[in-house]
């Protein structure tokens, strides 16, 4: 395995470019990584790529970012793990921070409210689309559906997302035959995002559920502002989890953005570094497979619960309902991708801002 400056530089360049241009969410990111690292550059074969991808689903954290770390380690050793992860995260984090600054300064203007009024329903529909896709692969049995329903009910009843995911993981281990804005201390703020990063299983969209729960507990932002933060995170390339960067800035300025970004991604670096050498061997074991299946079902329930909670803030007017229906139809019948839907909603909002209602 290459482990020199040339290989490290190659890793940084490849994942820096992907981090700056890879729109479309985790599934699109993984597809681009496979094309770049397997087909084009031949760093690993397709089977090992799929093994690593399965491994990312068995540990918490943003999957496509963890894939960048795994592939960086394969190409350039431990420096490649760090370089690949940082290069993939940094462009998105910088752009998300810039958009957060603009949002914070312009949010008082009525024109910006017109823009985000059309973005919010599009964000909800994008998450709904992810839920439907995830459900097709995760809910293939009656027990899995039951887990999803119970997870959604527990979340709506107020049980924390972390508790739900850990409970689902414990169930999966059992054999089948046994079935305040600027006043927030940065340390506390960092610990919250560290906890999220260390327990975030499944798609990056599940981050919305975690953010919604912590936001409700701490009273940082309104549901409207939280949806706007998610929309900004969606509009940037690279990891969806940089929505945390936006929340960090809106809550505690630039220090908050830095702390939130570092805290939410730090567990992924640690987990990939510690499990990378062995995870390919244990990912195929029956107990690991059962755990992943149950956690995935619970994740579907969490996404459903967050959609129910956020819908009132995103579907409050006839225009927003119309936007949501149009976005859903576009995603359902045209392979446009979530970025196209969000950019379309943004364009409509900008036209409204320029010409008025």
Protein backbone atom coordinates (compact mmCIF):
# COMPACT_ATOMS: atom_id res chain seq x y z
CA UNK A 1 0.00 0.00 0.00
CA UNK A 2 1.50 3.38 -0.97
CA UNK A 3 2.38 5.49 2.02
CA UNK A 4 4.34 8.50 0.85
CA UNK A 5 3.92 12.17 0.15
CA UNK A 6 2.73 11.60 -3.39
CA UNK A 7 -0.05 9.22 -2.28
CA UNK A 8 -1.05 11.58 0.55
CA UNK A 9 -1.20 14.53 -1.84
CA UNK A 10 -3.32 12.47 -4.23
CA UNK A 11 -5.77 11.64 -1.42
CA UNK A 12 -6.06 15.30 -0.40
CA UNK A 13 -6.60 16.45 -3.99
CA UNK A 14 -9.19 13.78 -4.80
CA UNK A 15 -11.29 14.25 -1.68
CA UNK A 16 -10.85 18.01 -1.63
CA UNK A 17 -12.32 18.13 -5.14
CA UNK A 18 -15.14 15.76 -4.20
CA UNK A 19 -15.87 17.77 -1.06
CA UNK A 20 -16.15 20.94 -3.16
CA UNK A 21 -18.32 19.47 -5.94
CA UNK A 22 -20.18 16.37 -4.64
CA UNK A 23 -23.79 17.50 -4.34
CA UNK A 24 -26.72 15.16 -3.80
CA UNK A 25 -26.27 13.61 -0.37
CA UNK A 26 -24.50 10.48 0.95
CA UNK A 27 -25.67 8.07 -1.76
CA UNK A 28 -24.39 10.36 -4.51
CA UNK A 29 -21.13 10.91 -2.62
CA UNK A 30 -20.49 7.16 -2.34
CA UNK A 31 -21.21 6.67 -6.05
CA UNK A 32 -18.71 9.38 -6.95
CA UNK A 33 -16.13 7.89 -4.58
CA UNK A 34 -16.57 4.47 -6.18
CA UNK A 35 -16.13 5.90 -9.66
CA UNK A 36 -13.06 7.93 -8.67
CA UNK A 37 -11.23 5.46 -6.42
CA UNK A 38 -12.24 2.09 -7.89
CA UNK A 39 -12.93 2.55 -11.58
CA UNK A 40 -10.70 5.48 -12.43
CA UNK A 41 -7.72 5.17 -10.09
CA UNK A 42 -7.87 1.49 -9.07
CA UNK A 43 -6.95 2.05 -5.43
CA UNK A 44 -9.02 -1.02 -4.40
CA UNK A 45 -11.31 -3.50 -6.14
CA UNK A 46 -15.09 -3.27 -6.11
CA UNK A 47 -15.60 -6.05 -3.56
CA UNK A 48 -13.35 -4.42 -0.97
CA UNK A 49 -15.06 -1.09 -1.61
CA UNK A 50 -18.42 -2.70 -0.81
CA UNK A 51 -16.95 -4.29 2.34
CA UNK A 52 -15.80 -0.88 3.55
CA UNK A 53 -19.18 0.62 2.71
CA UNK A 54 -20.91 -2.06 4.78
CA UNK A 55 -18.50 -1.34 7.61
CA UNK A 56 -19.48 2.34 7.72
CA UNK A 57 -23.06 1.26 8.40
CA UNK A 58 -22.00 -0.64 11.51
CA UNK A 59 -20.54 2.39 13.28
CA UNK A 60 -22.07 5.81 13.97
CA UNK A 61 -21.12 8.84 11.95
CA UNK A 62 -21.62 10.26 8.43
CA UNK A 63 -21.16 7.33 6.05
CA UNK A 64 -19.73 9.11 3.02
CA UNK A 65 -17.23 11.00 5.19
CA UNK A 66 -16.16 7.73 6.82
CA UNK A 67 -15.72 6.24 3.35
CA UNK A 68 -13.36 9.10 2.50
CA UNK A 69 -11.36 8.21 5.61
CA UNK A 70 -11.30 4.47 4.81
CA UNK A 71 -10.22 5.07 1.22
CA UNK A 72 -7.61 7.58 2.32
CA UNK A 73 -6.16 4.99 4.72
CA UNK A 74 -6.10 2.34 1.99
CA UNK A 75 -4.20 4.66 -0.34
CA UNK A 76 -1.86 6.52 2.03
CA UNK A 77 -2.00 4.89 5.46
CA UNK A 78 -2.95 6.74 8.62
CA UNK A 79 -2.00 10.18 7.24
CA UNK A 80 -4.34 9.43 4.35
CA UNK A 81 -7.19 8.69 6.76
CA UNK A 82 -6.86 12.14 8.33
CA UNK A 83 -6.11 13.91 5.05
CA UNK A 84 -9.02 12.31 3.19
CA UNK A 85 -11.50 13.11 5.95
CA UNK A 86 -10.39 16.70 6.45
CA UNK A 87 -10.21 17.39 2.71
CA UNK A 88 -13.74 16.07 2.20
CA UNK A 89 -15.21 18.02 5.13
CA UNK A 90 -13.41 21.37 4.86
CA UNK A 91 -14.87 22.81 1.60
CA UNK A 92 -18.42 22.13 2.75
CA UNK A 93 -17.77 23.50 6.23
CA UNK A 94 -16.24 26.72 4.86
CA UNK A 95 -19.08 27.26 2.39
CA UNK A 96 -21.74 26.44 4.99
CA UNK A 97 -20.17 28.96 7.38
CA UNK A 98 -20.20 31.64 4.69
CA UNK A 99 -23.86 30.98 3.94
CA UNK A 100 -24.65 31.02 7.67
CA UNK A 101 -23.00 34.43 8.00
CA UNK A 102 -25.06 35.74 5.10
CA UNK A 103 -28.23 34.22 6.52
CA UNK A 104 -27.64 35.71 9.98
CA UNK A 105 -27.10 39.17 8.51
CA UNK A 106 -29.96 39.09 6.01
CA UNK A 107 -32.60 37.13 7.90
CA UNK A 108 -34.13 40.32 9.20
CA UNK A 109 -35.00 41.37 5.64
CA UNK A 110 -38.48 40.38 4.40
CA UNK A 111 -36.91 39.32 1.07
CA UNK A 112 -34.91 36.56 2.77
CA UNK A 113 -38.05 35.23 4.41
CA UNK A 114 -39.59 34.90 0.95
CA UNK A 115 -36.58 32.85 -0.16
CA UNK A 116 -36.64 30.46 2.78
CA UNK A 117 -40.43 30.15 2.71
CA UNK A 118 -40.03 28.27 -0.57
CA UNK A 119 -36.95 26.34 0.58
CA UNK A 120 -38.49 24.85 3.72
CA UNK A 121 -41.09 22.64 2.02
CA UNK A 122 -38.43 21.45 -0.44
CA UNK A 123 -36.22 20.37 2.47
CA UNK A 124 -39.09 18.43 4.04
CA UNK A 125 -39.80 16.67 0.73
CA UNK A 126 -36.12 15.81 0.25
CA UNK A 127 -36.07 14.20 3.70
CA UNK A 128 -39.33 12.40 2.86
CA UNK A 129 -37.75 11.05 -0.32
CA UNK A 130 -34.78 9.78 1.68
CA UNK A 131 -37.21 8.16 4.13
CA UNK A 132 -39.03 6.34 1.33
CA UNK A 133 -35.79 5.10 -0.22
CA UNK A 134 -34.40 4.01 3.13
CA UNK A 135 -37.65 2.26 4.07
CA UNK A 136 -37.55 0.16 0.92
CA UNK A 137 -34.23 -1.37 1.95
CA UNK A 138 -34.65 -1.38 5.73
CA UNK A 139 -38.26 -2.50 6.21
CA UNK A 140 -38.34 -5.90 4.54
CA UNK A 141 -40.05 -7.79 7.36
CA UNK A 142 -42.88 -7.33 9.83
CA UNK A 143 -40.48 -7.07 12.85
CA UNK A 144 -38.52 -4.33 11.07
CA UNK A 145 -41.73 -2.38 10.43
CA UNK A 146 -42.66 -2.82 14.09
CA UNK A 147 -39.29 -1.45 15.19
CA UNK A 148 -39.71 1.58 12.91
CA UNK A 149 -43.20 2.30 14.26
CA UNK A 150 -42.05 1.93 17.86
CA UNK A 151 -39.04 4.18 17.25
CA UNK A 152 -41.23 6.87 15.67
CA UNK A 153 -43.73 6.66 18.53
CA UNK A 154 -40.97 6.83 21.14
CA UNK A 155 -39.41 9.86 19.47
CA UNK A 156 -42.75 11.65 19.22
CA UNK A 157 -43.38 10.85 22.90
CA UNK A 158 -40.16 12.62 23.85
CA UNK A 159 -37.62 9.80 24.21
CA UNK A 160 -34.17 10.87 23.04
CA UNK A 161 -32.90 9.73 19.65
CA UNK A 162 -29.64 8.46 21.16
CA UNK A 163 -31.56 6.26 23.60
CA UNK A 164 -33.71 4.88 20.79
CA UNK A 165 -30.76 4.01 18.56
CA UNK A 166 -28.81 2.37 21.39
CA UNK A 167 -31.90 0.40 22.43
CA UNK A 168 -32.35 -0.80 18.85
CA UNK A 169 -28.70 -1.84 18.73
CA UNK A 170 -29.13 -3.85 21.93
CA UNK A 171 -32.22 -5.57 20.49
CA UNK A 172 -30.24 -6.41 17.36
CA UNK A 173 -27.58 -8.16 19.41
CA UNK A 174 -30.14 -10.63 20.74
CA UNK A 175 -30.34 -13.80 18.63
CA UNK A 176 -33.49 -13.95 16.50
CA UNK A 177 -34.86 -16.85 18.37
CA UNK A 178 -34.95 -14.68 21.58
CA UNK A 179 -36.25 -11.51 20.32
CA UNK A 180 -30.10 30.35 24.87
CA UNK A 181 -28.49 31.90 21.87
CA UNK A 182 -25.08 33.55 22.60
CA UNK A 183 -25.13 32.59 26.26
CA UNK A 184 -24.56 28.91 25.47
CA UNK A 185 -21.21 27.71 26.92
CA UNK A 186 -19.01 26.37 24.14
CA UNK A 187 -17.98 23.35 26.21
CA UNK A 188 -21.59 22.28 26.68
CA UNK A 189 -22.30 23.04 23.03
CA UNK A 190 -19.33 20.95 21.92
CA UNK A 191 -20.36 18.03 24.11
CA UNK A 192 -23.81 18.00 22.53
CA UNK A 193 -22.38 17.72 19.01
CA UNK A 194 -19.76 15.24 20.16
CA UNK A 195 -22.60 13.06 21.46
CA UNK A 196 -24.44 13.39 18.15
CA UNK A 197 -21.34 12.49 16.15
CA UNK A 198 -20.68 9.47 18.34
CA UNK A 199 -24.21 8.06 18.04
CA UNK A 200 -25.41 9.14 14.58
CA UNK A 201 -26.30 5.91 12.79
CA UNK A 202 -27.74 5.71 9.29
CA UNK A 203 -28.16 8.37 6.64
CA UNK A 204 -26.96 11.91 7.09
CA UNK A 205 -30.60 12.95 7.03
CA UNK A 206 -31.01 11.39 10.47
CA UNK A 207 -28.99 14.37 11.71
CA UNK A 208 -32.20 16.38 11.37
CA UNK A 209 -33.81 14.23 14.08
CA UNK A 210 -30.86 14.69 16.43
CA UNK A 211 -30.70 18.44 15.82
CA UNK A 212 -34.45 18.77 16.36
CA UNK A 213 -34.26 16.95 19.72
CA UNK A 214 -31.26 18.92 21.02
CA UNK A 215 -32.70 22.19 19.76
CA UNK A 216 -35.96 21.51 21.58
CA UNK A 217 -34.08 20.63 24.77
CA UNK A 218 -31.83 23.71 24.75
CA UNK A 219 -34.05 26.27 23.03
CA UNK A 220 -31.33 27.41 20.61
CA UNK A 221 -33.34 28.15 17.47
CA UNK A 222 -36.90 28.22 16.20
CA UNK A 223 -38.11 25.35 14.01
CA UNK A 224 -38.07 27.83 11.13
CA UNK A 225 -34.40 28.68 11.68
CA UNK A 226 -33.53 25.00 12.14
CA UNK A 227 -35.10 24.14 8.78
CA UNK A 228 -33.20 27.02 7.21
CA UNK A 229 -29.95 25.64 8.64
CA UNK A 230 -30.72 22.23 7.17
CA UNK A 231 -31.53 23.86 3.83
CA UNK A 232 -28.17 25.64 3.82
CA UNK A 233 -26.42 22.37 4.64
CA UNK A 234 -28.26 20.70 1.77
CA UNK A 235 -27.26 23.41 -0.70
CA UNK A 236 -23.55 22.93 -0.03
CA UNK A 237 -21.51 20.09 -1.53
CA UNK A 238 -19.86 17.47 0.65
CA UNK A 239 -21.19 16.02 3.91
CA UNK A 240 -24.81 16.77 4.85
CA UNK A 241 -23.62 16.92 8.47
CA UNK A 242 -22.18 20.39 7.90
CA UNK A 243 -25.71 21.54 8.72
CA UNK A 244 -24.26 21.38 12.24
CA UNK A 245 -21.78 24.07 11.18
CA UNK A 246 -24.67 26.36 10.29
CA UNK A 247 -26.46 25.67 13.58
CA UNK A 248 -23.20 26.32 15.42
CA UNK A 249 -22.76 29.71 13.80
CA UNK A 250 -26.36 30.78 14.37
CA UNK A 251 -26.16 29.79 18.04
CA UNK A 252 -22.67 30.97 19.00
CA UNK A 253 -21.05 32.75 16.05
CA UNK A 254 -17.77 31.66 14.48
CA UNK A 255 -16.55 29.84 17.63
CA UNK A 256 -19.80 27.88 17.63
CA UNK A 257 -19.37 26.94 13.95
CA UNK A 258 -15.83 25.69 14.58
CA UNK A 259 -16.74 23.78 17.75
CA UNK A 260 -19.82 22.19 16.17
CA UNK A 261 -17.90 21.10 13.06
CA UNK A 262 -14.96 19.63 14.95
CA UNK A 263 -17.17 17.94 17.55
CA UNK A 264 -19.60 16.29 15.14
CA UNK A 265 -16.86 14.85 12.87
CA UNK A 266 -14.23 13.97 15.51
CA UNK A 267 -15.89 10.67 16.56
CA UNK A 268 -15.87 9.49 12.93
CA UNK A 269 -12.08 9.95 12.73
CA UNK A 270 -11.59 8.04 15.97
CA UNK A 271 -13.98 5.23 15.04
CA UNK A 272 -12.60 4.71 11.54
CA UNK A 273 -9.03 4.74 12.87
CA UNK A 274 -9.77 2.18 15.58
CA UNK A 275 -12.08 -0.11 13.62
CA UNK A 276 -10.62 0.16 10.12
CA UNK A 277 -8.11 -2.68 10.39
CA UNK A 278 -10.63 -5.15 11.80
CA UNK A 279 -14.07 -4.03 10.64
CA UNK A 280 -13.88 -5.83 7.29
CA UNK A 281 -13.53 -9.14 9.14
CA UNK A 282 -16.47 -8.78 11.53
CA UNK A 283 -18.96 -6.97 9.30
CA UNK A 284 -20.21 -10.26 7.83
CA UNK A 285 -20.86 -11.93 11.19
CA UNK A 286 -24.52 -12.77 11.93
CA UNK A 287 -24.68 -10.70 15.15
CA UNK A 288 -23.33 -7.62 13.35
CA UNK A 289 -25.78 -8.12 10.50
CA UNK A 290 -28.73 -8.43 12.91
CA UNK A 291 -27.66 -5.28 14.74
CA UNK A 292 -27.43 -3.29 11.52
CA UNK A 293 -30.85 -4.49 10.35
CA UNK A 294 -32.58 -3.43 13.57
CA UNK A 295 -30.76 -0.08 13.77
CA UNK A 296 -31.73 0.68 10.16
CA UNK A 297 -35.38 -0.01 10.95
CA UNK A 298 -35.23 2.28 13.98
CA UNK A 299 -33.63 4.99 11.86
CA UNK A 300 -36.60 4.89 9.47
CA UNK A 301 -38.86 5.57 12.43
CA UNK A 302 -36.72 8.50 13.58
CA UNK A 303 -36.85 10.12 10.15
CA UNK A 304 -40.63 9.69 10.08
CA UNK A 305 -40.94 11.30 13.52
CA UNK A 306 -38.87 14.33 12.57
CA UNK A 307 -40.93 14.83 9.41
CA UNK A 308 -44.10 14.90 11.50
CA UNK A 309 -42.57 17.46 13.86
CA UNK A 310 -41.14 19.78 11.22
CA UNK A 311 -44.05 19.69 8.77
CA UNK A 312 -46.03 22.51 10.47
CA UNK A 313 -43.12 24.93 10.05
CA UNK A 314 -42.65 23.99 6.40
CA UNK A 315 -46.23 23.54 5.19
CA UNK A 316 -48.00 26.50 6.76
CA UNK A 317 -49.26 28.26 3.64
CA UNK A 318 -50.94 27.18 0.39
CA UNK A 319 -47.81 28.21 -1.52
CA UNK A 320 -45.62 25.98 0.66
CA UNK A 321 -47.98 23.04 0.21
CA UNK A 322 -47.91 23.58 -3.55
CA UNK A 323 -44.10 23.75 -3.47
CA UNK A 324 -43.95 20.50 -1.49
CA UNK A 325 -46.27 18.71 -3.91
CA UNK A 326 -44.28 19.93 -6.90
CA UNK A 327 -40.98 18.89 -5.30
CA UNK A 328 -42.35 15.46 -4.44
CA UNK A 329 -43.65 14.95 -7.98
CA UNK A 330 -40.30 16.00 -9.43
CA UNK A 331 -38.35 13.60 -7.24
CA UNK A 332 -40.86 10.82 -7.80
CA UNK A 333 -41.07 10.90 -11.57
CA UNK A 334 -37.86 12.57 -12.67
CA UNK A 335 -34.36 11.43 -11.59
CA UNK A 336 -33.36 14.96 -10.74
CA UNK A 337 -31.79 14.52 -7.31
CA UNK A 338 -32.32 16.51 -4.14
CA UNK A 339 -29.88 19.26 -5.11
CA UNK A 340 -31.86 20.09 -8.25
CA UNK A 341 -35.06 20.36 -6.21
CA UNK A 342 -33.44 22.63 -3.63
CA UNK A 343 -31.78 24.82 -6.25
CA UNK A 344 -35.11 25.11 -8.04
CA UNK A 345 -36.84 26.14 -4.82
CA UNK A 346 -34.03 28.63 -4.14
CA UNK A 347 -34.42 30.12 -7.63
CA UNK A 348 -38.17 30.57 -7.10
CA UNK A 349 -37.52 32.18 -3.74
CA UNK A 350 -34.98 34.59 -5.23
CA UNK A 351 -37.45 35.57 -7.96
CA UNK A 352 -40.05 36.26 -5.27
CA UNK A 353 -37.51 38.28 -3.29
CA UNK A 354 -36.66 40.42 -6.32
CA UNK A 355 -40.18 40.98 -7.64
CA UNK A 356 -42.18 40.60 -4.43
CA UNK A 357 -45.07 38.29 -3.69
